[in-house]
Amino acid sequence: AVRGCETDEEQAGFLASLTIAATTVTLFQRTGARTVIIKKLMVANRNAAAAQISIGVGDFTQRLPDFQVVSGGDVQLTEDEIPAFEFTADITARSSVGAVSPNDVQVLIEVEEIPGR
């Protein structure tokens, strides 16, 4: 995780590159037993095909509805647009398409960690 956001609880995950279809990649590793809420979700699909993105936990238990990103498109969702869900495990993602850079699907999240929940 990248530290240094506005408060100790607000953090951004690292830029994850989804290079192999249906393979789970960790977006954010939570700190201890904290609860995590996604505040912002950004996806850039640099692949030649549309991508279906899934967000979940662990080796892959889906926690948010899938969403589509057109070929060459990007999506930026804010907290108001993301279904409310409190993650109690590391946040992971997978894509329906994958390829090595520069044709990969890139995902970045900004989260809030809540201590003591």
C-alpha atoms as a PDB file:
ATOM      1  CA  ALA A   1       0.000   0.000   0.000  1.00  0.00           C
ATOM      2  CA  VAL A   2       1.090   3.534  -0.672  1.00  0.00           C
ATOM      3  CA  ARG A   3       1.125   5.704   2.450  1.00  0.00           C
ATOM      4  CA  GLY A   4       1.033   9.477   2.686  1.00  0.00           C
ATOM      5  CA  CYS A   5      -2.561  10.376   1.812  1.00  0.00           C
ATOM      6  CA  GLU A   6      -4.539  12.999   3.712  1.00  0.00           C
ATOM      7  CA  THR A   7      -4.920  10.979   6.936  1.00  0.00           C
ATOM      8  CA  ASP A   8      -3.483   7.760   8.295  1.00  0.00           C
ATOM      9  CA  GLU A   9      -6.692   5.946   7.365  1.00  0.00           C
ATOM     10  CA  GLU A  10      -6.934   7.169   3.743  1.00  0.00           C
ATOM     11  CA  GLN A  11      -4.711   5.177   1.425  1.00  0.00           C
ATOM     12  CA  ALA A  12      -4.277   4.188  -2.176  1.00  0.00           C
ATOM     13  CA  GLY A  13      -3.546   0.674  -3.337  1.00  0.00           C
ATOM     14  CA  PHE A  14      -0.728   0.111  -5.788  1.00  0.00           C
ATOM     15  CA  LEU A  15      -1.417   0.237  -9.518  1.00  0.00           C
ATOM     16  CA  ALA A  16      -2.373  -3.332 -10.357  1.00  0.00           C
ATOM     17  CA  SER A  17      -1.893  -4.720 -13.843  1.00  0.00           C
ATOM     18  CA  LEU A  18      -4.390  -7.447 -14.788  1.00  0.00           C
ATOM     19  CA  THR A  19      -2.394  -9.347 -17.376  1.00  0.00           C
ATOM     20  CA  ILE A  20      -3.964 -12.818 -17.361  1.00  0.00           C
ATOM     21  CA  ALA A  21      -7.715 -13.309 -17.781  1.00  0.00           C
ATOM     22  CA  ALA A  22      -9.559 -14.662 -14.722  1.00  0.00           C
ATOM     23  CA  THR A  23      -6.434 -14.450 -12.537  1.00  0.00           C
ATOM     24  CA  THR A  24      -6.735 -12.789  -9.137  1.00  0.00           C
ATOM     25  CA  VAL A  25      -4.497  -9.803  -8.344  1.00  0.00           C
ATOM     26  CA  THR A  26      -4.302  -8.067  -4.949  1.00  0.00           C
ATOM     27  CA  LEU A  27      -5.330  -4.404  -5.070  1.00  0.00           C
ATOM     28  CA  PHE A  28      -4.972  -3.575  -1.381  1.00  0.00           C
ATOM     29  CA  GLN A  29      -3.628  -5.389   1.673  1.00  0.00           C
ATOM     30  CA  ARG A  30      -5.432  -4.189   4.756  1.00  0.00           C
ATOM     31  CA  THR A  31      -3.608  -3.315   7.951  1.00  0.00           C
ATOM     32  CA  GLY A  32      -4.285  -5.776  10.763  1.00  0.00           C
ATOM     33  CA  ALA A  33      -7.960  -6.309  11.499  1.00  0.00           C
ATOM     34  CA  ARG A  34      -9.165  -2.996  10.068  1.00  0.00           C
ATOM     35  CA  THR A  35     -12.274  -2.712   7.904  1.00  0.00           C
ATOM     36  CA  VAL A  36     -11.708  -1.215   4.448  1.00  0.00           C
ATOM     37  CA  ILE A  37     -14.100   0.831   2.289  1.00  0.00           C
ATOM     38  CA  ILE A  38     -13.331   1.666  -1.348  1.00  0.00           C
ATOM     39  CA  LYS A  39     -13.576   5.442  -1.844  1.00  0.00           C
ATOM     40  CA  LYS A  40     -12.487   5.609  -5.490  1.00  0.00           C
ATOM     41  CA  LEU A  41     -11.962   3.004  -8.205  1.00  0.00           C
ATOM     42  CA  MET A  42     -10.075   3.740 -11.427  1.00  0.00           C
ATOM     43  CA  VAL A  43      -9.682   1.331 -14.353  1.00  0.00           C
ATOM     44  CA  ALA A  44      -7.882   1.786 -17.680  1.00  0.00           C
ATOM     45  CA  ASN A  45      -8.496  -0.905 -20.284  1.00  0.00           C
ATOM     46  CA  ARG A  46      -5.569  -0.851 -22.715  1.00  0.00           C
ATOM     47  CA  ASN A  47      -6.663  -4.155 -24.266  1.00  0.00           C
ATOM     48  CA  ALA A  48      -8.158  -4.586 -27.747  1.00  0.00           C
ATOM     49  CA  ALA A  49     -11.275  -6.170 -26.224  1.00  0.00           C
ATOM     50  CA  ALA A  50     -13.859  -4.937 -23.751  1.00  0.00           C
ATOM     51  CA  ALA A  51     -13.115  -6.068 -20.194  1.00  0.00           C
ATOM     52  CA  GLN A  52     -15.425  -7.245 -17.450  1.00  0.00           C
ATOM     53  CA  ILE A  53     -13.911  -6.283 -14.085  1.00  0.00           C
ATOM     54  CA  SER A  54     -14.685  -8.094 -10.821  1.00  0.00           C
ATOM     55  CA  ILE A  55     -13.753  -6.857  -7.343  1.00  0.00           C
ATOM     56  CA  GLY A  56     -13.610  -9.233  -4.393  1.00  0.00           C
ATOM     57  CA  VAL A  57     -11.467 -10.648  -1.620  1.00  0.00           C
ATOM     58  CA  GLY A  58      -8.932 -13.427  -1.201  1.00  0.00           C
ATOM     59  CA  ASP A  59      -8.322 -16.000  -3.932  1.00  0.00           C
ATOM     60  CA  PHE A  60     -11.580 -14.741  -5.244  1.00  0.00           C
ATOM     61  CA  THR A  61     -14.870 -14.255  -3.536  1.00  0.00           C
ATOM     62  CA  GLN A  62     -16.750 -11.557  -5.427  1.00  0.00           C
ATOM     63  CA  ARG A  63     -17.988  -8.635  -3.310  1.00  0.00           C
ATOM     64  CA  LEU A  64     -19.079  -5.978  -5.852  1.00  0.00           C
ATOM     65  CA  PRO A  65     -21.097  -6.305  -9.075  1.00  0.00           C
ATOM     66  CA  ASP A  66     -19.079  -6.741 -12.286  1.00  0.00           C
ATOM     67  CA  PHE A  67     -18.691  -3.746 -14.541  1.00  0.00           C
ATOM     68  CA  GLN A  68     -17.590  -3.349 -18.169  1.00  0.00           C
ATOM     69  CA  VAL A  69     -14.818  -1.169 -19.547  1.00  0.00           C
ATOM     70  CA  VAL A  70     -14.736  -0.770 -23.337  1.00  0.00           C
ATOM     71  CA  SER A  71     -11.558  -1.363 -25.307  1.00  0.00           C
ATOM     72  CA  GLY A  72      -9.230   1.590 -24.849  1.00  0.00           C
ATOM     73  CA  GLY A  73     -11.582   3.115 -22.281  1.00  0.00           C
ATOM     74  CA  ASP A  74     -11.269   4.137 -18.678  1.00  0.00           C
ATOM     75  CA  VAL A  75     -13.665   4.306 -15.761  1.00  0.00           C
ATOM     76  CA  GLN A  76     -13.455   6.374 -12.585  1.00  0.00           C
ATOM     77  CA  LEU A  77     -16.002   5.660  -9.886  1.00  0.00           C
ATOM     78  CA  THR A  78     -16.363   7.592  -6.635  1.00  0.00           C
ATOM     79  CA  GLU A  79     -17.715   6.418  -3.291  1.00  0.00           C
ATOM     80  CA  ASP A  80     -21.259   7.509  -4.242  1.00  0.00           C
ATOM     81  CA  GLU A  81     -21.148   5.296  -7.365  1.00  0.00           C
ATOM     82  CA  ILE A  82     -19.583   2.219  -5.740  1.00  0.00           C
ATOM     83  CA  PRO A  83     -21.942  -0.170  -3.910  1.00  0.00           C
ATOM     84  CA  ALA A  84     -21.466   0.114  -0.145  1.00  0.00           C
ATOM     85  CA  PHE A  85     -19.421  -2.800   1.141  1.00  0.00           C
ATOM     86  CA  GLU A  86     -17.063  -3.106   4.095  1.00  0.00           C
ATOM     87  CA  PHE A  87     -14.110  -5.330   3.198  1.00  0.00           C
ATOM     88  CA  THR A  88     -12.702  -7.407   6.056  1.00  0.00           C
ATOM     89  CA  ALA A  89     -10.013  -9.097   3.954  1.00  0.00           C
ATOM     90  CA  ASP A  90      -7.473  -8.022   1.318  1.00  0.00           C
ATOM     91  CA  ILE A  91      -9.159  -6.528  -1.761  1.00  0.00           C
ATOM     92  CA  THR A  92      -8.556  -8.356  -5.035  1.00  0.00           C
ATOM     93  CA  ALA A  93      -9.598  -7.999  -8.680  1.00  0.00           C
ATOM     94  CA  ARG A  94      -9.779  -9.980 -11.883  1.00  0.00           C
ATOM     95  CA  SER A  95     -10.564  -9.208 -15.501  1.00  0.00           C
ATOM     96  CA  SER A  96     -12.224 -11.148 -18.312  1.00  0.00           C
ATOM     97  CA  VAL A  97      -9.326 -10.206 -20.617  1.00  0.00           C
ATOM     98  CA  GLY A  98      -5.615  -9.900 -20.108  1.00  0.00           C
ATOM     99  CA  ALA A  99      -2.400  -9.213 -21.941  1.00  0.00           C
ATOM    100  CA  VAL A 100       1.047  -8.000 -21.058  1.00  0.00           C
ATOM    101  CA  SER A 101       1.785  -4.280 -20.948  1.00  0.00           C
ATOM    102  CA  PRO A 102       1.093  -2.102 -22.902  1.00  0.00           C
ATOM    103  CA  ASN A 103      -2.158  -3.995 -23.582  1.00  0.00           C
ATOM    104  CA  ASP A 104      -3.117  -4.773 -20.003  1.00  0.00           C
ATOM    105  CA  VAL A 105      -6.014  -3.664 -17.819  1.00  0.00           C
ATOM    106  CA  GLN A 106      -4.876  -1.381 -14.995  1.00  0.00           C
ATOM    107  CA  VAL A 107      -6.754  -0.908 -11.733  1.00  0.00           C
ATOM    108  CA  LEU A 108      -6.132   1.528  -8.878  1.00  0.00           C
ATOM    109  CA  ILE A 109      -8.240   2.013  -5.767  1.00  0.00           C
ATOM    110  CA  GLU A 110      -8.306   4.593  -3.006  1.00  0.00           C
ATOM    111  CA  VAL A 111      -9.560   3.249   0.303  1.00  0.00           C
ATOM    112  CA  GLU A 112     -10.349   4.237   3.857  1.00  0.00           C
ATOM    113  CA  GLU A 113      -9.262   1.897   6.617  1.00  0.00           C
ATOM    114  CA  ILE A 114     -11.440   2.011   9.714  1.00  0.00           C
ATOM    115  CA  PRO A 115      -9.823   0.810  12.926  1.00  0.00           C
ATOM    116  CA  GLY A 116     -11.720  -1.277  15.440  1.00  0.00           C
ATOM    117  CA  ARG A 117     -14.633  -2.571  13.374  1.00  0.00           C
END
